[in-house]
Each structure stands twice: as C-alpha cells, then as structure tokens.
Amino acid sequence: MIRKFFAQAYIWLLLIILYAPILFIAVFSFTESKVLGNWTGFSTKLYENLTQGSLDGGSSLMSALQNTLIIAVVAAALSTLLGTMAAIGMFYLRGGKKKAITFMNNIPIINPDIITGVSLFLLFIFMRITQGYTSVILAHITFCTPYVVLSVLPKMSQMNPNIYEAARDLGATQFQALRKVVIPQLIPGMVSGFILAFTMSLDDFAVTFFTRGTIGLDTLSTYIYADARKGGLTPELRPLMTIIFLTILVLLIIINIRQQRLAQRNELKK
C-alpha cells in the first residue's frame, strides 16, 4: 500500500514538473501583458494579433513558423520512407551484420545534438551543398530517420514472418508483396515514427542553427533564441506555443484511441 502511494506520488510529481510550465504559458496567453507572469486581465488580444499578423515583427515570426512546418513535414515524410525501408532490411539481416547496423542506427540517437550539427555543417561545406532549406532538411532527415527505424522495427517483429512468403507463393511480385502485405502491417509504426520525427524536427535547435547558413533562414527555435537575446520574448509566442501543444496533444489522443480500438477488434477476431 505504501509502495503504491509513493509510486503514484512520484508519477504525479513528474507530471506536474513536466506540464506546469506549459500550463503557465497557456494561462498567460490570455492576457495582453508583454511580461510573462504579469496578469493584466483576461484578453484574447494576443490570439487576434497572431491570426491577423498584426504583432510586432509578425512577418518574421510567421515566416519562422512557416519554415518550421515545411521543414518538419518534408523531413518527417522522407525520414518515414527511409526509416521504413531500413527497418525492413534490418529485420531480415542475421548475426553480426544486424548487430552492426543496429549499433550504427543508435549512434545518431545518443550523439549530442551539437556534435551532429557541427559535423553536418563541416560535411555540407566540404561537399559544397548550399546552406538553407536543402541543408536543414537533409540534417533533419539524418537525425530523424533512426527514430523511425526504432518505431517500425517492433511492428516487423510482431508481424507473421510467413505472410510475405505466402504472398510470393500466390504469385505476387516482390514489390506487390511489400506494398499489399508488409506495408499495411507496418502502418501503425510508420504513423508513430512520422509523428516522432515531426516533433523532433519541430523541436530541434542545435542542428538547425549550425546548418541553416547565413541567408536568414529562421525556424521557431532559432527565432526564439534570437528574440531572447534581445532581452525578451514576443508575447504572441505564448498563444502560438499553446496552439502547437494542444494540436500535438489532440493528435496523440486520436492515434491512441484508434490503436486501442484496433487492438480490441483484433482480440474479438481471435
């Protein structure tokens, strides 16, 4: 009983530490005060400024948001494609080759972001790759793909290993068996990998900072960094952060509900 109490208290403490700052930002997004923590009365003015683009420096903030979303969507989509292909290949490897590839896949995950950013920065200079959208997207694909691999591999392990061979025996080509038999089994893992890659790209600062070049390309993370160095943060960032958090939260809830319903259907079929 005591052990259960302390376990629950520990979980609640972690949740409070993690989500209290987000709740704090969400609450103060409904006041016009430029200083976070100073409540001047309920108002939706910051949301109106954000949607109407009438904030100070609004064009640069909205441009940073647009850049962030474009880079995140493209990087997540390509990472999902590459990560799924890599997971399928890794699953059918055996022995030392599989261990070596798995080890190499884990390196970008445990590698500090600043080392990844500096390494890619030097690589792009050496290869004469123009820094900007291209370099940032390539960099984001580099560190997002391993996470997709880790999301898809468990689904490969859960899949019946004989269904691919059964499809081939029934006359399907390798591509048809992959597209119609294997890929549908991996969709939940691919969706999870896409969302994870999207949020990783959305959140990244160090890699983006080193690979964006000097053309003035800004994402939300680099915009906030530059804004903070000026001595304060644009108030409209508060409603923007709240909207982003709620959007991701709703997507995760929907995905979890769909997965639970799918699991229940599979149990009923059995």
C-alpha atoms as a PDB file:
ATOM      1  CA  MET A   1       0.000   0.000   0.000  1.00  0.00           C
ATOM      2  CA  ILE A   2       2.756   2.442   0.949  1.00  0.00           C
ATOM      3  CA  ARG A   3       4.770   1.443  -2.115  1.00  0.00           C
ATOM      4  CA  LYS A   4       1.759   2.109  -4.359  1.00  0.00           C
ATOM      5  CA  PHE A   5       1.203   5.509  -2.724  1.00  0.00           C
ATOM      6  CA  PHE A   6       4.799   6.628  -3.275  1.00  0.00           C
ATOM      7  CA  ALA A   7       4.783   5.288  -6.852  1.00  0.00           C
ATOM      8  CA  GLN A   8       1.657   7.305  -7.680  1.00  0.00           C
ATOM      9  CA  ALA A   9       3.030  10.371  -5.889  1.00  0.00           C
ATOM     10  CA  TYR A  10       6.239  10.099  -7.904  1.00  0.00           C
ATOM     11  CA  ILE A  11       4.302   9.892 -11.186  1.00  0.00           C
ATOM     12  CA  TRP A  12       2.143  12.892 -10.273  1.00  0.00           C
ATOM     13  CA  LEU A  13       5.226  14.873  -9.279  1.00  0.00           C
ATOM     14  CA  LEU A  14       6.843  14.165 -12.656  1.00  0.00           C
ATOM     15  CA  LEU A  15       3.660  15.164 -14.487  1.00  0.00           C
ATOM     16  CA  ILE A  16       3.450  18.434 -12.539  1.00  0.00           C
ATOM     17  CA  ILE A  17       7.102  19.269 -13.253  1.00  0.00           C
ATOM     18  CA  LEU A  18       6.672  18.494 -16.955  1.00  0.00           C
ATOM     19  CA  TYR A  19       3.349  20.188 -17.617  1.00  0.00           C
ATOM     20  CA  ALA A  20       3.200  23.062 -15.116  1.00  0.00           C
ATOM     21  CA  PRO A  21       5.355  25.365 -17.317  1.00  0.00           C
ATOM     22  CA  ILE A  22       3.156  24.609 -20.347  1.00  0.00           C
ATOM     23  CA  LEU A  23       0.012  25.306 -18.317  1.00  0.00           C
ATOM     24  CA  PHE A  24       1.622  28.528 -17.048  1.00  0.00           C
ATOM     25  CA  ILE A  25       2.272  29.696 -20.624  1.00  0.00           C
ATOM     26  CA  ALA A  26      -1.249  28.713 -21.706  1.00  0.00           C
ATOM     27  CA  VAL A  27      -2.850  30.705 -18.864  1.00  0.00           C
ATOM     28  CA  PHE A  28      -0.802  33.846 -19.572  1.00  0.00           C
ATOM     29  CA  SER A  29      -1.551  33.611 -23.291  1.00  0.00           C
ATOM     30  CA  PHE A  30      -4.957  35.058 -22.347  1.00  0.00           C
ATOM     31  CA  THR A  31      -3.625  38.393 -21.146  1.00  0.00           C
ATOM     32  CA  GLU A  32      -2.087  41.319 -23.032  1.00  0.00           C
ATOM     33  CA  SER A  33       0.889  41.749 -20.719  1.00  0.00           C
ATOM     34  CA  LYS A  34       4.241  41.723 -22.507  1.00  0.00           C
ATOM     35  CA  VAL A  35       5.893  40.332 -19.369  1.00  0.00           C
ATOM     36  CA  LEU A  36       5.223  36.680 -18.634  1.00  0.00           C
ATOM     37  CA  GLY A  37       3.788  36.338 -15.133  1.00  0.00           C
ATOM     38  CA  ASN A  38       2.139  39.759 -15.047  1.00  0.00           C
ATOM     39  CA  TRP A  39      -1.651  39.295 -15.301  1.00  0.00           C
ATOM     40  CA  THR A  40      -3.417  42.408 -16.626  1.00  0.00           C
ATOM     41  CA  GLY A  41      -6.851  40.907 -17.132  1.00  0.00           C
ATOM     42  CA  PHE A  42      -8.406  38.311 -19.410  1.00  0.00           C
ATOM     43  CA  SER A  43      -7.961  39.058 -23.105  1.00  0.00           C
ATOM     44  CA  THR A  44      -7.705  37.214 -26.417  1.00  0.00           C
ATOM     45  CA  LYS A  45      -5.754  40.077 -27.994  1.00  0.00           C
ATOM     46  CA  LEU A  46      -2.582  38.003 -28.413  1.00  0.00           C
ATOM     47  CA  TYR A  47      -4.510  35.331 -30.319  1.00  0.00           C
ATOM     48  CA  GLU A  48      -6.065  38.014 -32.507  1.00  0.00           C
ATOM     49  CA  ASN A  49      -2.664  39.523 -33.201  1.00  0.00           C
ATOM     50  CA  LEU A  50      -1.300  36.108 -34.077  1.00  0.00           C
ATOM     51  CA  THR A  51      -4.089  35.217 -36.507  1.00  0.00           C
ATOM     52  CA  GLN A  52      -4.233  38.669 -38.066  1.00  0.00           C
ATOM     53  CA  GLY A  53      -0.454  39.069 -38.327  1.00  0.00           C
ATOM     54  CA  SER A  54      -0.593  42.461 -36.619  1.00  0.00           C
ATOM     55  CA  LEU A  55       2.075  41.760 -33.996  1.00  0.00           C
ATOM     56  CA  ASP A  56       5.424  43.490 -33.769  1.00  0.00           C
ATOM     57  CA  GLY A  57       7.771  41.595 -36.026  1.00  0.00           C
ATOM     58  CA  GLY A  58       4.815  39.466 -37.047  1.00  0.00           C
ATOM     59  CA  SER A  59       6.072  38.769 -40.544  1.00  0.00           C
ATOM     60  CA  SER A  60       9.318  37.288 -39.239  1.00  0.00           C
ATOM     61  CA  LEU A  61       7.505  35.134 -36.643  1.00  0.00           C
ATOM     62  CA  MET A  62       5.004  33.795 -39.174  1.00  0.00           C
ATOM     63  CA  SER A  63       7.830  33.216 -41.639  1.00  0.00           C
ATOM     64  CA  ALA A  64       9.697  31.224 -38.979  1.00  0.00           C
ATOM     65  CA  LEU A  65       6.548  29.201 -38.280  1.00  0.00           C
ATOM     66  CA  GLN A  66       6.073  28.515 -41.990  1.00  0.00           C
ATOM     67  CA  ASN A  67       9.702  27.431 -42.376  1.00  0.00           C
ATOM     68  CA  THR A  68       9.413  25.191 -39.322  1.00  0.00           C
ATOM     69  CA  LEU A  69       6.288  23.422 -40.586  1.00  0.00           C
ATOM     70  CA  ILE A  70       7.629  22.956 -44.123  1.00  0.00           C
ATOM     71  CA  ILE A  71      10.941  21.543 -42.901  1.00  0.00           C
ATOM     72  CA  ALA A  72       9.246  19.317 -40.314  1.00  0.00           C
ATOM     73  CA  VAL A  73       6.697  17.850 -42.749  1.00  0.00           C
ATOM     74  CA  VAL A  74       9.232  17.210 -45.535  1.00  0.00           C
ATOM     75  CA  ALA A  75      11.866  15.805 -43.156  1.00  0.00           C
ATOM     76  CA  ALA A  76       9.329  13.604 -41.348  1.00  0.00           C
ATOM     77  CA  ALA A  77       7.872  12.247 -44.604  1.00  0.00           C
ATOM     78  CA  LEU A  78      11.270  11.386 -46.093  1.00  0.00           C
ATOM     79  CA  SER A  79      12.513  10.023 -42.756  1.00  0.00           C
ATOM     80  CA  THR A  80       9.450   7.772 -42.546  1.00  0.00           C
ATOM     81  CA  LEU A  81      10.111   6.435 -46.041  1.00  0.00           C
ATOM     82  CA  LEU A  82      13.821   5.844 -45.437  1.00  0.00           C
ATOM     83  CA  GLY A  83      13.309   4.544 -41.895  1.00  0.00           C
ATOM     84  CA  THR A  84      10.673   2.023 -43.013  1.00  0.00           C
ATOM     85  CA  MET A  85      12.904   0.717 -45.790  1.00  0.00           C
ATOM     86  CA  ALA A  86      15.823   0.486 -43.359  1.00  0.00           C
ATOM     87  CA  ALA A  87      13.718  -1.316 -40.727  1.00  0.00           C
ATOM     88  CA  ILE A  88      12.551  -3.915 -43.262  1.00  0.00           C
ATOM     89  CA  GLY A  89      16.121  -4.520 -44.396  1.00  0.00           C
ATOM     90  CA  MET A  90      17.477  -4.681 -40.838  1.00  0.00           C
ATOM     91  CA  PHE A  91      14.796  -7.142 -39.763  1.00  0.00           C
ATOM     92  CA  TYR A  92      15.884  -9.716 -42.338  1.00  0.00           C
ATOM     93  CA  LEU A  93      19.577  -9.380 -41.521  1.00  0.00           C
ATOM     94  CA  ARG A  94      21.170 -12.037 -39.363  1.00  0.00           C
ATOM     95  CA  GLY A  95      24.115 -12.323 -36.999  1.00  0.00           C
ATOM     96  CA  GLY A  96      26.882  -9.757 -36.859  1.00  0.00           C
ATOM     97  CA  LYS A  97      25.529  -7.667 -39.743  1.00  0.00           C
ATOM     98  CA  LYS A  98      22.272  -6.990 -37.897  1.00  0.00           C
ATOM     99  CA  LYS A  99      24.099  -6.056 -34.691  1.00  0.00           C
ATOM    100  CA  ALA A 100      26.451  -3.730 -36.578  1.00  0.00           C
ATOM    101  CA  ILE A 101      23.645  -1.932 -38.438  1.00  0.00           C
ATOM    102  CA  THR A 102      21.582  -1.642 -35.235  1.00  0.00           C
ATOM    103  CA  PHE A 103      24.586  -0.158 -33.443  1.00  0.00           C
ATOM    104  CA  MET A 104      25.143   2.362 -36.261  1.00  0.00           C
ATOM    105  CA  ASN A 105      21.445   3.284 -36.186  1.00  0.00           C
ATOM    106  CA  ASN A 106      21.659   4.060 -32.457  1.00  0.00           C
ATOM    107  CA  ILE A 107      24.677   6.389 -32.772  1.00  0.00           C
ATOM    108  CA  PRO A 108      22.716   9.462 -34.031  1.00  0.00           C
ATOM    109  CA  ILE A 109      20.200   8.962 -31.205  1.00  0.00           C
ATOM    110  CA  ILE A 110      22.730   9.051 -28.368  1.00  0.00           C
ATOM    111  CA  ASN A 111      25.060  11.506 -30.093  1.00  0.00           C
ATOM    112  CA  PRO A 112      24.787  15.074 -28.673  1.00  0.00           C
ATOM    113  CA  ASP A 113      22.933  17.451 -30.989  1.00  0.00           C
ATOM    114  CA  ILE A 114      25.771  19.956 -31.032  1.00  0.00           C
ATOM    115  CA  ILE A 115      28.217  17.330 -32.347  1.00  0.00           C
ATOM    116  CA  THR A 116      25.721  16.263 -35.008  1.00  0.00           C
ATOM    117  CA  GLY A 117      25.180  19.905 -36.016  1.00  0.00           C
ATOM    118  CA  VAL A 118      28.882  20.769 -36.262  1.00  0.00           C
ATOM    119  CA  SER A 119      29.647  17.523 -38.136  1.00  0.00           C
ATOM    120  CA  LEU A 120      26.918  18.125 -40.701  1.00  0.00           C
ATOM    121  CA  PHE A 121      27.949  21.771 -41.023  1.00  0.00           C
ATOM    122  CA  LEU A 122      31.510  20.736 -41.935  1.00  0.00           C
ATOM    123  CA  LEU A 123      30.226  17.995 -44.257  1.00  0.00           C
ATOM    124  CA  PHE A 124      27.992  20.410 -46.183  1.00  0.00           C
ATOM    125  CA  ILE A 125      30.862  22.867 -46.575  1.00  0.00           C
ATOM    126  CA  PHE A 126      33.153  20.090 -47.818  1.00  0.00           C
ATOM    127  CA  MET A 127      30.516  18.856 -50.302  1.00  0.00           C
ATOM    128  CA  ARG A 128      29.665  22.445 -51.361  1.00  0.00           C
ATOM    129  CA  ILE A 129      25.984  21.986 -50.523  1.00  0.00           C
ATOM    130  CA  THR A 130      24.134  25.283 -50.418  1.00  0.00           C
ATOM    131  CA  GLN A 131      23.116  26.067 -46.862  1.00  0.00           C
ATOM    132  CA  GLY A 132      19.469  26.870 -46.383  1.00  0.00           C
ATOM    133  CA  TYR A 133      16.360  24.747 -46.854  1.00  0.00           C
ATOM    134  CA  THR A 134      18.315  21.921 -48.500  1.00  0.00           C
ATOM    135  CA  SER A 135      20.965  21.588 -45.802  1.00  0.00           C
ATOM    136  CA  VAL A 136      18.472  21.902 -42.923  1.00  0.00           C
ATOM    137  CA  ILE A 137      16.107  19.291 -44.381  1.00  0.00           C
ATOM    138  CA  LEU A 138      18.997  16.876 -45.047  1.00  0.00           C
ATOM    139  CA  ALA A 139      20.246  17.417 -41.495  1.00  0.00           C
ATOM    140  CA  HIS A 140      16.809  16.796 -40.005  1.00  0.00           C
ATOM    141  CA  ILE A 141      16.386  13.625 -42.055  1.00  0.00           C
ATOM    142  CA  THR A 142      19.739  12.438 -40.714  1.00  0.00           C
ATOM    143  CA  PHE A 143      18.765  12.558 -37.048  1.00  0.00           C
ATOM    144  CA  CYS A 144      15.042  11.721 -37.502  1.00  0.00           C
ATOM    145  CA  THR A 145      15.423   8.511 -39.542  1.00  0.00           C
ATOM    146  CA  PRO A 146      16.878   6.395 -36.675  1.00  0.00           C
ATOM    147  CA  TYR A 147      13.815   7.176 -34.553  1.00  0.00           C
ATOM    148  CA  VAL A 148      11.533   5.978 -37.344  1.00  0.00           C
ATOM    149  CA  VAL A 149      13.558   2.762 -37.571  1.00  0.00           C
ATOM    150  CA  LEU A 150      13.022   2.147 -33.851  1.00  0.00           C
ATOM    151  CA  SER A 151       9.278   2.768 -34.285  1.00  0.00           C
ATOM    152  CA  VAL A 152       8.868   0.391 -37.235  1.00  0.00           C
ATOM    153  CA  LEU A 153      11.125  -2.487 -36.112  1.00  0.00           C
ATOM    154  CA  PRO A 154       8.772  -3.667 -33.298  1.00  0.00           C
ATOM    155  CA  LYS A 155       5.925  -3.906 -35.830  1.00  0.00           C
ATOM    156  CA  MET A 156       8.158  -6.044 -38.034  1.00  0.00           C
ATOM    157  CA  SER A 157       8.775  -8.336 -35.075  1.00  0.00           C
ATOM    158  CA  GLN A 158       5.025  -8.611 -34.382  1.00  0.00           C
ATOM    159  CA  MET A 159       4.221  -9.442 -37.997  1.00  0.00           C
ATOM    160  CA  ASN A 160       3.828 -13.055 -39.073  1.00  0.00           C
ATOM    161  CA  PRO A 161       7.087 -13.764 -40.928  1.00  0.00           C
ATOM    162  CA  ASN A 162       5.344 -16.227 -43.269  1.00  0.00           C
ATOM    163  CA  ILE A 163       2.839 -13.857 -44.863  1.00  0.00           C
ATOM    164  CA  TYR A 164       5.418 -12.351 -47.208  1.00  0.00           C
ATOM    165  CA  GLU A 165       6.468 -15.779 -48.474  1.00  0.00           C
ATOM    166  CA  ALA A 166       2.801 -16.782 -48.741  1.00  0.00           C
ATOM    167  CA  ALA A 167       2.108 -13.766 -50.949  1.00  0.00           C
ATOM    168  CA  ARG A 168       5.098 -14.660 -53.135  1.00  0.00           C
ATOM    169  CA  ASP A 169       3.883 -18.265 -53.428  1.00  0.00           C
ATOM    170  CA  LEU A 170       0.475 -16.994 -54.556  1.00  0.00           C
ATOM    171  CA  GLY A 171       2.060 -15.139 -57.459  1.00  0.00           C
ATOM    172  CA  ALA A 172       2.725 -11.659 -56.084  1.00  0.00           C
ATOM    173  CA  THR A 173       5.899  -9.923 -57.144  1.00  0.00           C
ATOM    174  CA  GLN A 174       8.337  -8.692 -54.504  1.00  0.00           C
ATOM    175  CA  PHE A 175       7.019  -5.145 -54.833  1.00  0.00           C
ATOM    176  CA  GLN A 176       3.366  -6.265 -54.701  1.00  0.00           C
ATOM    177  CA  ALA A 177       4.001  -8.384 -51.603  1.00  0.00           C
ATOM    178  CA  LEU A 178       5.781  -5.463 -49.968  1.00  0.00           C
ATOM    179  CA  ARG A 179       3.095  -2.913 -50.869  1.00  0.00           C
ATOM    180  CA  LYS A 180      -0.022  -5.007 -50.240  1.00  0.00           C
ATOM    181  CA  VAL A 181       1.084  -7.319 -47.438  1.00  0.00           C
ATOM    182  CA  VAL A 182       4.049  -5.956 -45.480  1.00  0.00           C
ATOM    183  CA  ILE A 183       3.435  -2.190 -45.533  1.00  0.00           C
ATOM    184  CA  PRO A 184      -0.191  -2.406 -44.229  1.00  0.00           C
ATOM    185  CA  GLN A 185       1.123  -4.319 -41.206  1.00  0.00           C
ATOM    186  CA  LEU A 186       3.634  -1.539 -40.524  1.00  0.00           C
ATOM    187  CA  ILE A 187       1.310   1.473 -40.817  1.00  0.00           C
ATOM    188  CA  PRO A 188       0.855   1.989 -37.028  1.00  0.00           C
ATOM    189  CA  GLY A 189       4.636   2.029 -36.570  1.00  0.00           C
ATOM    190  CA  MET A 190       5.078   4.308 -39.567  1.00  0.00           C
ATOM    191  CA  VAL A 191       2.490   6.771 -38.203  1.00  0.00           C
ATOM    192  CA  SER A 192       4.188   6.762 -34.800  1.00  0.00           C
ATOM    193  CA  GLY A 193       7.564   7.248 -36.487  1.00  0.00           C
ATOM    194  CA  PHE A 194       6.232  10.128 -38.595  1.00  0.00           C
ATOM    195  CA  ILE A 195       4.814  11.927 -35.550  1.00  0.00           C
ATOM    196  CA  LEU A 196       8.024  11.372 -33.604  1.00  0.00           C
ATOM    197  CA  ALA A 197      10.154  12.628 -36.499  1.00  0.00           C
ATOM    198  CA  PHE A 198       7.831  15.622 -36.947  1.00  0.00           C
ATOM    199  CA  THR A 199       8.078  16.631 -33.291  1.00  0.00           C
ATOM    200  CA  MET A 200      11.856  16.068 -33.247  1.00  0.00           C
ATOM    201  CA  SER A 201      12.244  18.341 -36.275  1.00  0.00           C
ATOM    202  CA  LEU A 202       9.836  20.896 -34.814  1.00  0.00           C
ATOM    203  CA  ASP A 203      11.826  21.000 -31.582  1.00  0.00           C
ATOM    204  CA  ASP A 204      15.384  20.986 -32.938  1.00  0.00           C
ATOM    205  CA  PHE A 205      17.669  23.957 -32.396  1.00  0.00           C
ATOM    206  CA  ALA A 206      21.347  22.952 -32.371  1.00  0.00           C
ATOM    207  CA  VAL A 207      21.400  21.107 -35.702  1.00  0.00           C
ATOM    208  CA  THR A 208      19.296  23.795 -37.393  1.00  0.00           C
ATOM    209  CA  PHE A 209      21.459  26.579 -36.010  1.00  0.00           C
ATOM    210  CA  PHE A 210      24.643  25.090 -37.494  1.00  0.00           C
ATOM    211  CA  THR A 211      23.201  24.052 -40.876  1.00  0.00           C
ATOM    212  CA  ARG A 212      20.894  26.946 -41.819  1.00  0.00           C
ATOM    213  CA  GLY A 213      23.727  29.113 -43.163  1.00  0.00           C
ATOM    214  CA  THR A 214      23.743  32.893 -43.269  1.00  0.00           C
ATOM    215  CA  ILE A 215      20.818  33.523 -45.624  1.00  0.00           C
ATOM    216  CA  GLY A 216      18.457  34.486 -42.788  1.00  0.00           C
ATOM    217  CA  LEU A 217      16.514  31.211 -42.675  1.00  0.00           C
ATOM    218  CA  ASP A 218      14.758  31.050 -39.304  1.00  0.00           C
ATOM    219  CA  THR A 219      12.737  28.315 -37.630  1.00  0.00           C
ATOM    220  CA  LEU A 220      10.781  28.777 -34.427  1.00  0.00           C
ATOM    221  CA  SER A 221      13.686  27.575 -32.296  1.00  0.00           C
ATOM    222  CA  THR A 222      16.231  29.921 -33.873  1.00  0.00           C
ATOM    223  CA  TYR A 223      13.697  32.789 -33.871  1.00  0.00           C
ATOM    224  CA  ILE A 224      13.040  32.315 -30.138  1.00  0.00           C
ATOM    225  CA  TYR A 225      16.791  32.145 -29.483  1.00  0.00           C
ATOM    226  CA  ALA A 226      17.390  35.418 -31.352  1.00  0.00           C
ATOM    227  CA  ASP A 227      14.361  37.004 -29.687  1.00  0.00           C
ATOM    228  CA  ALA A 228      15.549  36.005 -26.212  1.00  0.00           C
ATOM    229  CA  ARG A 229      18.983  37.541 -26.846  1.00  0.00           C
ATOM    230  CA  LYS A 230      17.284  40.891 -27.403  1.00  0.00           C
ATOM    231  CA  GLY A 231      16.116  40.868 -23.790  1.00  0.00           C
ATOM    232  CA  GLY A 232      12.631  39.416 -24.020  1.00  0.00           C
ATOM    233  CA  LEU A 233      10.213  37.212 -25.925  1.00  0.00           C
ATOM    234  CA  THR A 234       7.471  38.303 -28.304  1.00  0.00           C
ATOM    235  CA  PRO A 235       4.188  37.964 -26.322  1.00  0.00           C
ATOM    236  CA  GLU A 236       2.475  36.268 -29.276  1.00  0.00           C
ATOM    237  CA  LEU A 237       4.779  33.299 -28.794  1.00  0.00           C
ATOM    238  CA  ARG A 238       2.657  32.311 -25.803  1.00  0.00           C
ATOM    239  CA  PRO A 239      -0.566  31.620 -27.794  1.00  0.00           C
ATOM    240  CA  LEU A 240       1.497  30.054 -30.584  1.00  0.00           C
ATOM    241  CA  MET A 241       3.146  27.593 -28.178  1.00  0.00           C
ATOM    242  CA  THR A 242      -0.252  26.813 -26.649  1.00  0.00           C
ATOM    243  CA  ILE A 243      -1.798  26.078 -30.053  1.00  0.00           C
ATOM    244  CA  ILE A 244       1.115  23.831 -31.071  1.00  0.00           C
ATOM    245  CA  PHE A 245       0.950  21.884 -27.800  1.00  0.00           C
ATOM    246  CA  LEU A 246      -2.821  21.378 -27.996  1.00  0.00           C
ATOM    247  CA  THR A 247      -2.606  20.298 -31.648  1.00  0.00           C
ATOM    248  CA  ILE A 248       0.015  17.645 -30.897  1.00  0.00           C
ATOM    249  CA  LEU A 249      -1.917  16.535 -27.795  1.00  0.00           C
ATOM    250  CA  VAL A 250      -5.131  16.071 -29.789  1.00  0.00           C
ATOM    251  CA  LEU A 251      -3.298  14.101 -32.497  1.00  0.00           C
ATOM    252  CA  LEU A 252      -1.746  11.780 -29.933  1.00  0.00           C
ATOM    253  CA  ILE A 253      -5.126  11.209 -28.234  1.00  0.00           C
ATOM    254  CA  ILE A 254      -6.750  10.362 -31.574  1.00  0.00           C
ATOM    255  CA  ILE A 255      -3.958   7.962 -32.508  1.00  0.00           C
ATOM    256  CA  ASN A 256      -4.074   6.214 -29.124  1.00  0.00           C
ATOM    257  CA  ILE A 257      -7.856   5.818 -29.341  1.00  0.00           C
ATOM    258  CA  ARG A 258      -7.558   4.334 -32.835  1.00  0.00           C
ATOM    259  CA  GLN A 259      -4.860   1.914 -31.708  1.00  0.00           C
ATOM    260  CA  GLN A 260      -6.966   0.795 -28.739  1.00  0.00           C
ATOM    261  CA  ARG A 261      -9.981   0.204 -30.982  1.00  0.00           C
ATOM    262  CA  LEU A 262      -7.815  -1.721 -33.446  1.00  0.00           C
ATOM    263  CA  ALA A 263      -6.427  -3.868 -30.624  1.00  0.00           C
ATOM    264  CA  GLN A 264      -9.949  -4.566 -29.375  1.00  0.00           C
ATOM    265  CA  ARG A 265     -11.066  -5.610 -32.881  1.00  0.00           C
ATOM    266  CA  ASN A 266      -8.111  -7.957 -33.191  1.00  0.00           C
ATOM    267  CA  GLU A 267      -8.957  -9.528 -29.824  1.00  0.00           C
ATOM    268  CA  LEU A 268     -12.599 -10.024 -30.917  1.00  0.00           C
ATOM    269  CA  LYS A 269     -11.453 -11.675 -34.146  1.00  0.00           C
ATOM    270  CA  LYS A 270      -9.350 -14.132 -32.133  1.00  0.00           C
END
